[in-house]
Amino acid sequence: MAKHKEKASRPSNPLVVRPGMSIGSISAERDDEFLFECFVDHPAVAACKSVRSPGMVIAGRTGAGKTAVIRYIEDTSNNSIVIDPSDMALNYVSNSDVLRFIQSIGGDIDLLFLALWKHVLCIEFIRLRYKVTDEAKSRTAFSKLVDNFRLDQRKRKSLNYLREWEGRFWITMDENIKEITQRYEGKLAAELGAEVQKFKAGGQYEKRLSNERKSELVARAKKIINSDQLSDLGGVIEMLSDQAKDDYGEKYFILIDRLDERWVDVSIRFKLIRALIESLKAFRKINNLKIVVALRADILERVVQETGDLTFQREKLEEFFVRLRWTRGQLRDFVDKRLALTFRRQYSSSRPVCFDDIFTNKVGTSDPFEYILERTLMRPRDVLVFVNECLNQSEGNTNITAGAIRKAEGEYSRIRRQAIEEEWQSAFPSLPRLLDYLQSFKSVTIEFKDLCEKDPVMELALPFTEKRWNYDPIYEEATKLYSVGGDPIDFMKEALGILYRVGAIGIKPAPGERYYFSHRDDPVYNTAVLDVKARITIHMMLHRALGIEGRRDL
């Protein structure tokens, strides 16, 4: 981690902030100009590159640098492949009439999703390991596996499984997935054909079936979607693990990103992500393979909301997660490297330009860098957006004044509110209304008891009762509020849990205690234990967007 640079004497020729100057793009995909030359060697990178480390899911909020890490690993590795979920034709799965019918009657197709991921990852590793680009190389790869394991009776089933793909390791992922799905469809249609045809005809046929009939059909489908293929795939992974012992130090990386985009219908997206996470454990056996998945924190939250049960617990999977968090020193290094590159391209200075060279004025009594950090969630993107806006407000000037920073803060705060709402739209669609409710108090700090007054809370909750808000936990509390026994305090506890989770507020549980924030403390706060003496404070990044000013009593 870079140390905070000491202030040095100013260059003899004054620096001028020129039009269009910036320290990079908020999107890692469009940040090549800065990303690789200014890359900050974060400890998460080492964890993701180490095949010995169990960390396989790099998790963080939007703007924490997940895609940057994925791109850096790809750029610096000799053997890597990036899987784009949009290339996987998984909408073919979501549009399957047979599979939709099974889901509609309560059938579980999670095992199919698990098999799909394990199959795809096995095939992609074989393609990468044996450099398969055509049918001939595909057959050569299979021959090598046969030569190594044909005398091992335990590997016979695994070789038979791969034999079906002997000449097709090179085909695209979408073809792979379509073929596997079609195999299941064929078997299921043969077993349930007449019922599927009635379902396809419409008229909500599945709702007219009795529970007994549904149970019978689900049981018949379960005989086909069973663990047999998973057992075969487990053997394939074991075989590839044994083969890896002969690779003499070669490392291979399978990188998966863009899971937050619209790569598959929402009806199965989160179940597919859950299946991916659960499939990763099996590949730890291959000691020269590292699979790294970039996953936004809000997407993980939605996966838990929609698929949460006793078999999927974050605590049990925690060792597989690499949490991407940043220190002040790392963020300062991030800014200094990018400012140095920006000004080096404009000036032939013998000394790199750093933050202190152009941010020369305190903002009130605050150091300008600390002032900026206080208004972020300690993520590179937040700092980048704020500094870029400061540069935009200072075109033609030789330094960035306190007035320019304050002016930039107004636009930055507006952008931050919009970004938070968009980031958490999937998990918490209630968020915009909850932020409006905070704004109505026109205060930085608010007593918990004042937030719970019945009439305002009832007005806030009413729209949430009118439709199901896509698994938003606020829906259930709003419904209770308008039924017998509902309590505004319970509703507000749920609301504050959401606002804390997204970083909009800090919570002070009792007088004499400090405020807790999700970006620096536990990401989830148990608001059920709050009492009337608790207080909340609105994060500084939202002050201008919500039209409030002031300091909080940290």
Protein backbone atom coordinates (compact mmCIF):
# COMPACT_ATOMS: atom_id res chain seq x y z
CA MET A 1 0.00 0.00 0.00
CA ALA A 2 1.39 3.35 -1.02
CA LYS A 3 2.23 5.83 1.72
CA HIS A 4 0.71 9.28 1.80
CA LYS A 5 3.01 11.56 -0.21
CA GLU A 6 4.55 14.56 1.49
CA LYS A 7 3.83 17.95 -0.04
CA ALA A 8 6.63 19.04 -2.34
CA SER A 9 7.52 22.36 -3.86
CA ARG A 10 5.31 23.42 -6.72
CA PRO A 11 6.65 23.09 -10.28
CA SER A 12 8.24 26.28 -11.58
CA ASN A 13 5.79 26.43 -14.50
CA PRO A 14 2.20 26.75 -13.22
CA LEU A 15 -0.11 23.89 -13.99
CA VAL A 16 -3.38 24.72 -15.71
CA VAL A 17 -6.45 22.51 -15.66
CA ARG A 18 -7.26 22.14 -19.33
CA PRO A 19 -10.70 21.49 -20.84
CA GLY A 20 -11.66 17.83 -20.90
CA MET A 21 -9.11 16.73 -18.30
CA SER A 22 -10.15 13.68 -16.29
CA ILE A 23 -8.61 10.84 -14.35
CA GLY A 24 -10.51 8.12 -16.20
CA SER A 25 -13.85 6.56 -16.99
CA ILE A 26 -16.24 5.15 -14.41
CA SER A 27 -16.49 2.00 -16.55
CA ALA A 28 -13.50 -0.37 -16.42
CA GLU A 29 -14.39 -1.59 -19.91
CA ARG A 30 -13.77 1.91 -21.26
CA ASP A 31 -10.83 2.82 -19.02
CA ASP A 32 -7.90 1.35 -20.96
CA GLU A 33 -6.27 4.78 -21.07
CA PHE A 34 -5.67 4.58 -17.31
CA LEU A 35 -6.54 1.11 -16.03
CA PHE A 36 -3.36 -0.85 -16.68
CA GLU A 37 -0.77 1.93 -16.38
CA CYS A 38 -2.29 3.23 -13.13
CA PHE A 39 -3.39 -0.09 -11.62
CA VAL A 40 -3.25 -0.20 -7.82
CA ASP A 41 -2.00 -3.56 -6.57
CA HIS A 42 -4.85 -4.29 -4.17
CA PRO A 43 -4.53 -7.38 -1.89
CA ALA A 44 -7.71 -8.76 -3.49
CA VAL A 45 -5.79 -9.18 -6.75
CA ALA A 46 -3.27 -11.50 -5.11
CA ALA A 47 -6.09 -13.54 -3.55
CA CYS A 48 -7.84 -13.87 -6.91
CA LYS A 49 -4.65 -14.86 -8.75
CA SER A 50 -3.52 -17.43 -6.19
CA VAL A 51 -4.69 -20.95 -7.04
CA ARG A 52 -4.11 -21.86 -3.39
CA SER A 53 -6.48 -19.21 -2.08
CA PRO A 54 -10.11 -20.38 -1.76
CA GLY A 55 -11.36 -16.94 -2.83
CA MET A 56 -13.24 -17.33 -6.12
CA VAL A 57 -16.01 -14.71 -5.95
CA ILE A 58 -14.79 -11.14 -5.89
CA ALA A 59 -17.67 -9.32 -4.23
CA GLY A 60 -18.17 -5.61 -3.83
CA ARG A 61 -20.48 -2.78 -4.55
CA THR A 62 -20.74 -1.04 -7.88
CA GLY A 63 -17.56 0.95 -8.48
CA ALA A 64 -15.37 -1.03 -6.10
CA GLY A 65 -13.16 -2.30 -8.94
CA LYS A 66 -14.38 -5.86 -9.63
CA THR A 67 -14.26 -5.59 -13.41
CA ALA A 68 -10.88 -3.86 -13.20
CA VAL A 69 -9.51 -6.88 -11.30
CA ILE A 70 -10.98 -9.28 -13.87
CA ARG A 71 -9.43 -7.31 -16.72
CA TYR A 72 -6.06 -7.08 -14.97
CA ILE A 73 -5.92 -10.84 -14.42
CA GLU A 74 -6.84 -11.42 -18.06
CA ASP A 75 -4.16 -8.97 -19.21
CA THR A 76 -1.37 -10.38 -17.04
CA SER A 77 -2.09 -14.13 -17.43
CA ASN A 78 -0.88 -16.40 -20.22
CA ASN A 79 -3.79 -18.83 -19.95
CA SER A 80 -7.12 -17.14 -19.34
CA ILE A 81 -10.59 -17.01 -20.79
CA VAL A 82 -13.45 -14.63 -19.98
CA ILE A 83 -16.99 -15.99 -19.95
CA ASP A 84 -19.66 -13.48 -20.88
CA PRO A 85 -23.02 -14.82 -19.65
CA SER A 86 -24.79 -13.15 -22.57
CA ASP A 87 -22.96 -15.59 -24.87
CA MET A 88 -24.42 -18.62 -23.11
CA ALA A 89 -27.91 -18.66 -24.69
CA LEU A 90 -29.48 -19.23 -21.28
CA ASN A 91 -32.67 -17.60 -22.48
CA TYR A 92 -33.16 -20.86 -24.35
CA VAL A 93 -33.46 -22.46 -20.90
CA SER A 94 -35.88 -19.83 -19.57
CA ASN A 95 -38.06 -20.15 -22.70
CA SER A 96 -38.26 -23.95 -22.58
CA ASP A 97 -41.94 -24.96 -22.33
CA VAL A 98 -41.01 -28.21 -20.62
CA LEU A 99 -38.90 -26.54 -17.93
CA ARG A 100 -41.42 -23.73 -17.43
CA PHE A 101 -44.14 -26.33 -16.85
CA ILE A 102 -42.05 -28.17 -14.27
CA GLN A 103 -41.39 -24.91 -12.41
CA SER A 104 -45.07 -23.91 -12.57
CA ILE A 105 -46.12 -27.08 -10.73
CA GLY A 106 -43.47 -26.66 -8.05
CA GLY A 107 -40.74 -28.81 -9.54
CA ASP A 108 -37.10 -28.12 -8.72
CA ILE A 109 -34.70 -27.67 -11.64
CA ASP A 110 -31.78 -26.45 -9.53
CA LEU A 111 -29.88 -29.68 -10.22
CA LEU A 112 -30.16 -28.95 -13.94
CA PHE A 113 -28.69 -25.47 -13.41
CA LEU A 114 -25.86 -26.95 -11.34
CA ALA A 115 -25.16 -29.51 -14.07
CA LEU A 116 -25.17 -26.79 -16.75
CA TRP A 117 -22.53 -24.72 -14.93
CA LYS A 118 -20.31 -27.70 -14.12
CA HIS A 119 -20.49 -28.89 -17.70
CA VAL A 120 -19.69 -25.45 -19.12
CA LEU A 121 -16.77 -24.94 -16.73
CA CYS A 122 -15.34 -28.40 -17.43
CA ILE A 123 -15.53 -27.90 -21.19
CA GLU A 124 -14.06 -24.38 -20.98
CA PHE A 125 -11.15 -25.68 -18.89
CA ILE A 126 -10.48 -28.47 -21.42
CA ARG A 127 -10.58 -25.91 -24.26
CA LEU A 128 -8.18 -23.65 -22.37
CA ARG A 129 -5.86 -26.41 -21.10
CA TYR A 130 -5.51 -28.17 -24.48
CA LYS A 131 -5.86 -25.03 -26.66
CA VAL A 132 -8.84 -26.50 -28.50
CA THR A 133 -9.90 -24.37 -31.47
CA ASP A 134 -11.32 -26.92 -33.91
CA GLU A 135 -12.65 -30.47 -34.17
CA ALA A 136 -9.22 -32.05 -34.75
CA LYS A 137 -7.75 -30.49 -31.61
CA SER A 138 -10.91 -31.50 -29.75
CA ARG A 139 -10.35 -35.15 -30.64
CA THR A 140 -6.67 -34.85 -29.73
CA ALA A 141 -7.58 -33.50 -26.29
CA PHE A 142 -9.95 -36.41 -25.69
CA SER A 143 -7.30 -38.90 -26.86
CA LYS A 144 -4.82 -37.53 -24.33
CA LEU A 145 -7.34 -37.97 -21.53
CA VAL A 146 -8.11 -41.52 -22.69
CA ASP A 147 -4.39 -42.40 -22.84
CA ASN A 148 -3.89 -41.19 -19.28
CA PHE A 149 -6.93 -42.84 -17.69
CA ARG A 150 -8.11 -45.80 -19.79
CA LEU A 151 -6.59 -48.29 -17.35
CA ASP A 152 -8.32 -46.66 -14.36
CA GLN A 153 -11.69 -48.40 -13.94
CA ARG A 154 -12.89 -45.61 -11.65
CA LYS A 155 -12.60 -43.11 -14.51
CA ARG A 156 -14.60 -45.16 -17.03
CA LYS A 157 -17.88 -43.34 -16.45
CA SER A 158 -16.15 -39.97 -16.69
CA LEU A 159 -14.50 -40.92 -19.98
CA ASN A 160 -17.83 -42.16 -21.30
CA TYR A 161 -19.37 -38.80 -20.40
CA LEU A 162 -16.64 -36.92 -22.27
CA ARG A 163 -16.81 -39.35 -25.19
CA GLU A 164 -20.19 -37.84 -26.08
CA TRP A 165 -18.36 -34.52 -26.59
CA GLU A 166 -15.21 -35.98 -28.10
CA GLY A 167 -15.25 -33.89 -31.26
CA ARG A 168 -17.18 -30.94 -29.88
CA PHE A 169 -15.05 -29.42 -27.11
CA TRP A 170 -14.50 -26.55 -29.52
CA ILE A 171 -18.17 -25.64 -30.08
CA THR A 172 -19.49 -22.45 -28.51
CA MET A 173 -21.04 -22.27 -25.06
CA ASP A 174 -24.49 -21.48 -26.42
CA GLU A 175 -24.40 -24.63 -28.52
CA ASN A 176 -23.25 -26.61 -25.48
CA ILE A 177 -26.10 -25.32 -23.35
CA LYS A 178 -28.74 -25.80 -26.03
CA GLU A 179 -27.63 -29.39 -26.57
CA ILE A 180 -27.69 -30.31 -22.88
CA THR A 181 -31.06 -28.61 -22.38
CA GLN A 182 -32.51 -30.34 -25.43
CA ARG A 183 -31.43 -33.70 -24.04
CA TYR A 184 -33.31 -33.03 -20.83
CA GLU A 185 -36.28 -31.63 -22.75
CA GLY A 186 -36.48 -34.78 -24.84
CA LYS A 187 -36.48 -37.08 -21.82
CA LEU A 188 -38.97 -34.93 -19.91
CA ALA A 189 -41.28 -34.56 -22.91
CA ALA A 190 -41.31 -38.34 -23.33
CA GLU A 191 -42.33 -38.70 -19.68
CA LEU A 192 -44.75 -35.75 -19.40
CA GLY A 193 -45.58 -35.02 -23.04
CA ALA A 194 -49.39 -34.78 -22.83
CA GLU A 195 -49.26 -32.52 -19.77
CA VAL A 196 -46.70 -30.21 -21.39
CA GLN A 197 -48.88 -29.86 -24.51
CA LYS A 198 -51.87 -28.83 -22.37
CA PHE A 199 -49.63 -26.29 -20.59
CA LYS A 200 -48.47 -24.87 -23.92
CA ALA A 201 -52.08 -24.50 -25.04
CA GLY A 202 -52.55 -21.86 -22.32
CA GLY A 203 -55.49 -21.30 -20.05
CA GLN A 204 -53.34 -21.62 -16.92
CA TYR A 205 -53.55 -25.39 -17.08
CA GLU A 206 -51.10 -25.77 -14.19
CA LYS A 207 -53.53 -24.03 -11.83
CA ARG A 208 -56.28 -26.50 -12.66
CA LEU A 209 -54.19 -29.47 -11.56
CA SER A 210 -54.81 -30.91 -8.11
CA ASN A 211 -52.00 -30.94 -5.58
CA GLU A 212 -51.90 -34.72 -5.76
CA ARG A 213 -51.49 -34.63 -9.54
CA LYS A 214 -48.77 -31.98 -9.29
CA SER A 215 -46.87 -34.09 -6.74
CA GLU A 216 -47.08 -37.11 -9.04
CA LEU A 217 -45.75 -35.15 -12.04
CA VAL A 218 -42.96 -33.57 -10.00
CA ALA A 219 -41.88 -37.00 -8.79
CA ARG A 220 -41.77 -38.31 -12.37
CA ALA A 221 -39.71 -35.31 -13.49
CA LYS A 222 -37.33 -35.74 -10.57
CA LYS A 223 -36.37 -39.19 -11.83
CA ILE A 224 -34.93 -37.49 -14.92
CA ILE A 225 -33.48 -34.34 -13.35
CA ASN A 226 -31.49 -36.28 -10.81
CA SER A 227 -27.97 -36.36 -9.51
CA ASP A 228 -26.64 -38.89 -12.06
CA GLN A 229 -25.19 -36.28 -14.40
CA LEU A 230 -23.71 -34.38 -11.45
CA SER A 231 -22.04 -37.60 -10.35
CA ASP A 232 -20.57 -38.05 -13.84
CA LEU A 233 -19.37 -34.45 -13.86
CA GLY A 234 -17.83 -34.93 -10.43
CA GLY A 235 -15.80 -37.75 -11.92
CA VAL A 236 -14.73 -35.53 -14.83
CA ILE A 237 -13.53 -32.86 -12.38
CA GLU A 238 -11.62 -35.53 -10.45
CA MET A 239 -9.97 -36.70 -13.67
CA LEU A 240 -9.01 -33.16 -14.67
CA SER A 241 -7.59 -32.69 -11.17
CA ASP A 242 -5.37 -35.75 -11.58
CA GLN A 243 -4.27 -34.52 -15.00
CA ALA A 244 -3.29 -31.13 -13.52
CA LYS A 245 -0.47 -32.76 -11.56
CA ASP A 246 1.50 -33.02 -14.81
CA ASP A 247 1.19 -29.34 -15.78
CA TYR A 248 4.42 -28.24 -14.07
CA GLY A 249 3.45 -24.84 -12.75
CA GLU A 250 1.09 -23.71 -15.52
CA LYS A 251 -1.92 -21.79 -14.18
CA TYR A 252 -5.26 -21.34 -15.89
CA PHE A 253 -7.93 -18.73 -15.21
CA ILE A 254 -11.63 -18.81 -16.06
CA LEU A 255 -13.06 -15.34 -15.45
CA ILE A 256 -16.78 -14.55 -15.26
CA ASP A 257 -18.16 -11.01 -15.24
CA ARG A 258 -21.29 -9.03 -16.18
CA LEU A 259 -23.68 -11.16 -14.12
CA ASP A 260 -25.51 -7.94 -13.20
CA GLU A 261 -26.59 -7.37 -16.80
CA ARG A 262 -29.68 -8.73 -18.56
CA TRP A 263 -28.15 -11.98 -19.77
CA VAL A 264 -31.15 -14.16 -18.95
CA ASP A 265 -34.78 -13.77 -17.96
CA VAL A 266 -35.20 -12.58 -14.38
CA SER A 267 -37.37 -15.62 -13.59
CA ILE A 268 -34.28 -17.85 -13.44
CA ARG A 269 -31.34 -15.39 -13.23
CA PHE A 270 -30.79 -15.57 -9.49
CA LYS A 271 -31.20 -19.34 -9.33
CA LEU A 272 -28.55 -19.63 -12.03
CA ILE A 273 -26.19 -17.38 -10.06
CA ARG A 274 -26.77 -19.44 -6.95
CA ALA A 275 -26.01 -22.62 -8.92
CA LEU A 276 -22.80 -21.02 -10.23
CA ILE A 277 -21.62 -20.13 -6.72
CA GLU A 278 -22.40 -23.63 -5.45
CA SER A 279 -20.63 -25.26 -8.41
CA LEU A 280 -17.34 -23.44 -7.70
CA LYS A 281 -16.50 -25.55 -4.67
CA ALA A 282 -16.00 -28.69 -6.77
CA PHE A 283 -13.37 -27.01 -8.96
CA ARG A 284 -11.08 -26.31 -6.00
CA LYS A 285 -9.79 -29.85 -6.59
CA ILE A 286 -8.04 -28.74 -9.79
CA ASN A 287 -4.91 -27.22 -8.33
CA ASN A 288 -3.83 -25.26 -11.41
CA LEU A 289 -7.24 -23.75 -12.19
CA LYS A 290 -8.65 -20.57 -10.69
CA ILE A 291 -12.20 -19.53 -11.45
CA VAL A 292 -12.92 -15.91 -10.55
CA VAL A 293 -16.46 -14.55 -10.59
CA ALA A 294 -17.22 -10.83 -10.23
CA LEU A 295 -20.45 -10.33 -8.30
CA ARG A 296 -22.10 -7.11 -7.15
CA ALA A 297 -23.15 -7.00 -3.50
CA ASP A 298 -26.76 -6.16 -4.36
CA ILE A 299 -26.98 -9.13 -6.74
CA LEU A 300 -25.77 -11.42 -3.97
CA GLU A 301 -28.42 -9.91 -1.72
CA ARG A 302 -31.10 -10.65 -4.31
CA VAL A 303 -29.83 -14.23 -4.72
CA VAL A 304 -30.28 -14.73 -0.98
CA GLN A 305 -33.73 -13.11 -1.02
CA GLU A 306 -35.06 -15.21 -3.87
CA THR A 307 -33.36 -18.54 -3.23
CA GLY A 308 -32.68 -18.30 0.48
CA ASP A 309 -33.13 -21.55 2.34
CA LEU A 310 -31.21 -23.67 4.81
CA THR A 311 -28.96 -25.08 2.08
CA PHE A 312 -27.73 -21.70 0.86
CA GLN A 313 -26.14 -19.69 3.63
CA ARG A 314 -23.64 -16.89 3.10
CA GLU A 315 -21.74 -17.93 6.20
CA LYS A 316 -20.95 -21.39 4.79
CA LEU A 317 -19.71 -19.88 1.54
CA GLU A 318 -17.79 -16.99 3.09
CA GLU A 319 -14.35 -18.52 2.50
CA PHE A 320 -14.99 -18.39 -1.25
CA PHE A 321 -15.62 -14.63 -1.22
CA VAL A 322 -12.96 -11.97 -1.70
CA ARG A 323 -14.33 -8.73 -0.25
CA LEU A 324 -13.12 -5.72 -2.19
CA ARG A 325 -12.63 -2.89 0.30
CA TRP A 326 -10.30 0.11 0.07
CA THR A 327 -8.22 2.04 2.59
CA ARG A 328 -7.49 5.77 2.52
CA GLY A 329 -3.92 5.07 1.44
CA GLN A 330 -5.00 2.86 -1.46
CA LEU A 331 -7.50 5.45 -2.69
CA ARG A 332 -4.86 8.19 -2.42
CA ASP A 333 -2.51 6.03 -4.49
CA PHE A 334 -5.34 5.52 -7.00
CA VAL A 335 -5.86 9.27 -7.40
CA ASP A 336 -2.17 10.23 -7.43
CA LYS A 337 -1.29 7.72 -10.15
CA ARG A 338 -4.11 8.93 -12.39
CA LEU A 339 -3.43 12.63 -11.84
CA ALA A 340 0.26 12.06 -12.58
CA LEU A 341 -0.58 10.35 -15.88
CA THR A 342 -3.13 13.02 -16.84
CA PHE A 343 -0.70 15.90 -16.34
CA ARG A 344 2.27 14.02 -17.78
CA ARG A 345 0.37 13.82 -21.05
CA GLN A 346 -0.12 17.58 -20.97
CA TYR A 347 3.18 18.77 -19.50
CA SER A 348 6.80 17.59 -19.60
CA SER A 349 7.30 17.97 -15.86
CA SER A 350 10.32 16.24 -14.33
CA ARG A 351 8.32 15.43 -11.22
CA PRO A 352 4.98 13.58 -11.16
CA VAL A 353 2.03 15.80 -10.33
CA CYS A 354 0.05 14.56 -7.32
CA PHE A 355 -3.19 15.51 -5.58
CA ASP A 356 -1.53 18.12 -3.33
CA ASP A 357 -0.15 20.01 -6.34
CA ILE A 358 -3.57 21.05 -7.61
CA PHE A 359 -5.85 20.65 -4.55
CA THR A 360 -4.00 23.34 -2.60
CA ASN A 361 -6.82 24.79 -0.48
CA LYS A 362 -8.62 23.50 2.56
CA VAL A 363 -12.41 23.26 2.41
CA GLY A 364 -13.29 25.15 5.55
CA THR A 365 -11.11 23.41 8.10
CA SER A 366 -10.96 20.11 6.18
CA ASP A 367 -8.08 18.72 4.15
CA PRO A 368 -9.43 18.52 0.56
CA PHE A 369 -8.74 14.79 0.18
CA GLU A 370 -10.41 13.98 3.49
CA TYR A 371 -13.32 16.21 2.49
CA ILE A 372 -13.78 14.17 -0.69
CA LEU A 373 -13.39 10.79 1.07
CA GLU A 374 -16.00 11.70 3.69
CA ARG A 375 -18.50 12.00 0.84
CA THR A 376 -17.75 8.59 -0.65
CA LEU A 377 -18.32 4.97 0.28
CA MET A 378 -14.54 4.47 0.07
CA ARG A 379 -14.65 3.18 -3.50
CA PRO A 380 -12.50 4.17 -6.48
CA ARG A 381 -15.47 5.12 -8.65
CA ASP A 382 -16.82 7.58 -6.06
CA VAL A 383 -13.44 9.29 -5.78
CA LEU A 384 -12.98 9.30 -9.55
CA VAL A 385 -16.38 10.92 -10.17
CA PHE A 386 -15.79 13.60 -7.51
CA VAL A 387 -12.27 14.46 -8.73
CA ASN A 388 -13.42 14.54 -12.37
CA GLU A 389 -16.19 16.95 -11.43
CA CYS A 390 -13.65 19.13 -9.57
CA LEU A 391 -11.49 19.23 -12.71
CA ASN A 392 -14.55 20.11 -14.79
CA GLN A 393 -15.36 23.02 -12.46
CA SER A 394 -11.76 24.31 -12.60
CA GLU A 395 -10.98 24.54 -16.32
CA GLY A 396 -8.42 27.27 -17.02
CA ASN A 397 -7.34 27.58 -13.37
CA THR A 398 -3.96 26.75 -11.87
CA ASN A 399 -5.45 24.98 -8.88
CA ILE A 400 -8.74 23.64 -7.54
CA THR A 401 -10.25 25.94 -4.97
CA ALA A 402 -12.57 25.22 -2.08
CA GLY A 403 -15.35 26.92 -4.03
CA ALA A 404 -14.81 24.59 -6.99
CA ILE A 405 -14.91 21.54 -4.70
CA ARG A 406 -18.18 22.67 -3.13
CA LYS A 407 -19.67 23.39 -6.54
CA ALA A 408 -18.55 19.97 -7.79
CA GLU A 409 -20.09 18.38 -4.71
CA GLY A 410 -23.59 19.44 -5.77
CA GLU A 411 -23.39 17.54 -9.07
CA TYR A 412 -21.53 14.65 -7.47
CA SER A 413 -24.23 14.26 -4.80
CA ARG A 414 -26.98 14.21 -7.43
CA ILE A 415 -25.07 11.51 -9.34
CA ARG A 416 -24.56 9.48 -6.16
CA ARG A 417 -28.25 9.38 -5.29
CA GLN A 418 -29.16 8.33 -8.81
CA ALA A 419 -26.43 5.69 -8.84
CA ILE A 420 -27.49 4.20 -5.49
CA GLU A 421 -31.10 3.92 -6.62
CA GLU A 422 -30.05 2.23 -9.85
CA GLU A 423 -27.54 -0.05 -8.14
CA TRP A 424 -30.09 -1.42 -5.67
CA GLN A 425 -33.17 -1.31 -7.92
CA SER A 426 -33.16 -5.09 -8.23
CA ALA A 427 -33.08 -5.83 -4.49
CA PHE A 428 -34.83 -2.77 -3.03
CA PRO A 429 -37.21 -1.04 -5.49
CA SER A 430 -38.64 0.83 -2.49
CA LEU A 431 -35.41 2.84 -2.08
CA PRO A 432 -36.39 6.06 -3.94
CA ARG A 433 -39.46 6.52 -1.70
CA LEU A 434 -37.43 5.80 1.44
CA LEU A 435 -34.89 8.47 0.45
CA ASP A 436 -37.73 10.93 -0.20
CA TYR A 437 -38.97 10.20 3.31
CA LEU A 438 -35.57 11.06 4.78
CA GLN A 439 -35.50 14.25 2.72
CA SER A 440 -38.81 15.36 4.23
CA PHE A 441 -37.11 15.77 7.64
CA LYS A 442 -34.64 18.36 6.28
CA SER A 443 -32.08 17.33 8.87
CA VAL A 444 -28.75 15.51 8.87
CA THR A 445 -29.49 13.56 12.07
CA ILE A 446 -32.92 12.23 13.01
CA GLU A 447 -34.23 10.60 16.18
CA PHE A 448 -35.55 7.08 15.59
CA LYS A 449 -38.78 7.89 17.44
CA ASP A 450 -39.41 10.84 15.11
CA LEU A 451 -39.14 8.55 12.10
CA CYS A 452 -41.87 6.30 13.50
CA GLU A 453 -44.80 8.72 13.81
CA LYS A 454 -47.85 6.79 12.67
CA ASP A 455 -49.50 9.02 10.05
CA PRO A 456 -46.34 9.78 7.98
CA VAL A 457 -45.30 6.13 8.15
CA MET A 458 -48.72 4.95 7.00
CA GLU A 459 -48.55 7.33 4.06
CA LEU A 460 -45.05 6.11 3.21
CA ALA A 461 -46.06 2.44 3.39
CA LEU A 462 -49.31 2.58 1.41
CA PRO A 463 -47.84 2.29 -2.13
CA PHE A 464 -45.84 -0.76 -1.02
CA THR A 465 -49.05 -2.65 -0.26
CA GLU A 466 -50.56 -2.10 -3.69
CA LYS A 467 -48.29 -4.54 -5.55
CA ARG A 468 -45.60 -7.08 -4.86
CA TRP A 469 -42.31 -5.14 -4.94
CA ASN A 470 -40.08 -7.83 -6.46
CA TYR A 471 -38.96 -9.53 -3.25
CA ASP A 472 -38.29 -6.21 -1.50
CA PRO A 473 -38.53 -7.04 2.26
CA ILE A 474 -40.40 -3.78 2.86
CA TYR A 475 -43.49 -5.30 1.19
CA GLU A 476 -44.19 -7.72 4.01
CA GLU A 477 -43.86 -5.07 6.74
CA ALA A 478 -46.06 -2.64 4.79
CA THR A 479 -48.74 -5.31 4.44
CA LYS A 480 -48.59 -6.01 8.18
CA LEU A 481 -48.94 -2.30 8.87
CA TYR A 482 -52.29 -2.24 7.12
CA SER A 483 -53.52 -5.41 8.83
CA VAL A 484 -54.36 -6.16 12.43
CA GLY A 485 -51.34 -5.82 14.69
CA GLY A 486 -49.12 -3.82 12.35
CA ASP A 487 -46.68 -1.46 14.05
CA PRO A 488 -45.04 1.64 12.46
CA ILE A 489 -41.91 0.92 14.52
CA ASP A 490 -41.47 -2.53 12.94
CA PHE A 491 -41.98 -1.07 9.48
CA MET A 492 -39.41 1.66 10.10
CA LYS A 493 -36.88 -0.84 11.46
CA GLU A 494 -37.10 -2.71 8.15
CA ALA A 495 -36.79 0.56 6.22
CA LEU A 496 -33.71 1.60 8.20
CA GLY A 497 -32.17 -1.81 7.58
CA ILE A 498 -32.46 -1.15 3.85
CA LEU A 499 -31.15 2.42 4.09
CA TYR A 500 -28.18 1.23 6.16
CA ARG A 501 -27.48 -1.65 3.77
CA VAL A 502 -27.21 0.65 0.74
CA GLY A 503 -24.98 3.13 2.59
CA ALA A 504 -27.48 5.99 2.78
CA ILE A 505 -27.43 6.27 6.57
CA GLY A 506 -25.36 5.54 9.65
CA ILE A 507 -26.98 4.19 12.80
CA LYS A 508 -26.16 5.25 16.35
CA PRO A 509 -27.82 2.62 18.57
CA ALA A 510 -27.55 4.54 21.85
CA PRO A 511 -26.20 7.77 23.34
CA GLY A 512 -22.45 7.55 23.87
CA GLU A 513 -21.95 5.13 21.00
CA ARG A 514 -20.60 5.99 17.56
CA TYR A 515 -22.39 5.80 14.24
CA TYR A 516 -22.09 2.56 12.28
CA PHE A 517 -21.94 2.52 8.47
CA SER A 518 -22.21 -0.42 6.09
CA HIS A 519 -19.18 0.57 4.04
CA ARG A 520 -16.82 0.51 7.03
CA ASP A 521 -18.59 -1.79 9.53
CA ASP A 522 -20.81 -4.85 9.12
CA PRO A 523 -22.66 -4.70 5.78
CA VAL A 524 -25.96 -5.69 7.43
CA TYR A 525 -27.29 -4.20 10.69
CA ASN A 526 -29.80 -5.96 12.92
CA THR A 527 -32.29 -3.10 13.21
CA ALA A 528 -34.73 -5.32 15.12
CA VAL A 529 -32.82 -4.44 18.31
CA LEU A 530 -33.12 -0.65 17.90
CA ASP A 531 -34.95 1.25 20.63
CA VAL A 532 -36.35 4.78 20.87
CA LYS A 533 -32.99 6.26 21.90
CA ALA A 534 -31.36 5.36 18.59
CA ARG A 535 -30.47 8.02 16.02
CA ILE A 536 -29.62 7.94 12.35
CA THR A 537 -27.46 10.27 10.30
CA ILE A 538 -27.63 10.72 6.55
CA HIS A 539 -24.36 10.00 4.76
CA MET A 540 -22.58 13.16 3.58
CA MET A 541 -22.62 12.03 -0.05
CA LEU A 542 -26.40 12.61 -0.09
CA HIS A 543 -26.59 15.93 1.77
CA ARG A 544 -26.71 18.13 -1.30
CA ALA A 545 -28.95 15.75 -3.25
CA LEU A 546 -31.46 15.78 -0.38
CA GLY A 547 -31.17 19.53 0.16
CA ILE A 548 -29.70 19.35 3.66
CA GLU A 549 -26.50 20.76 5.15
CA GLY A 550 -24.63 20.37 8.41
CA ARG A 551 -22.24 18.18 10.35
CA ARG A 552 -23.07 14.90 12.07
CA ASP A 553 -22.13 14.14 15.66
CA LEU A 554 -19.69 11.29 15.05
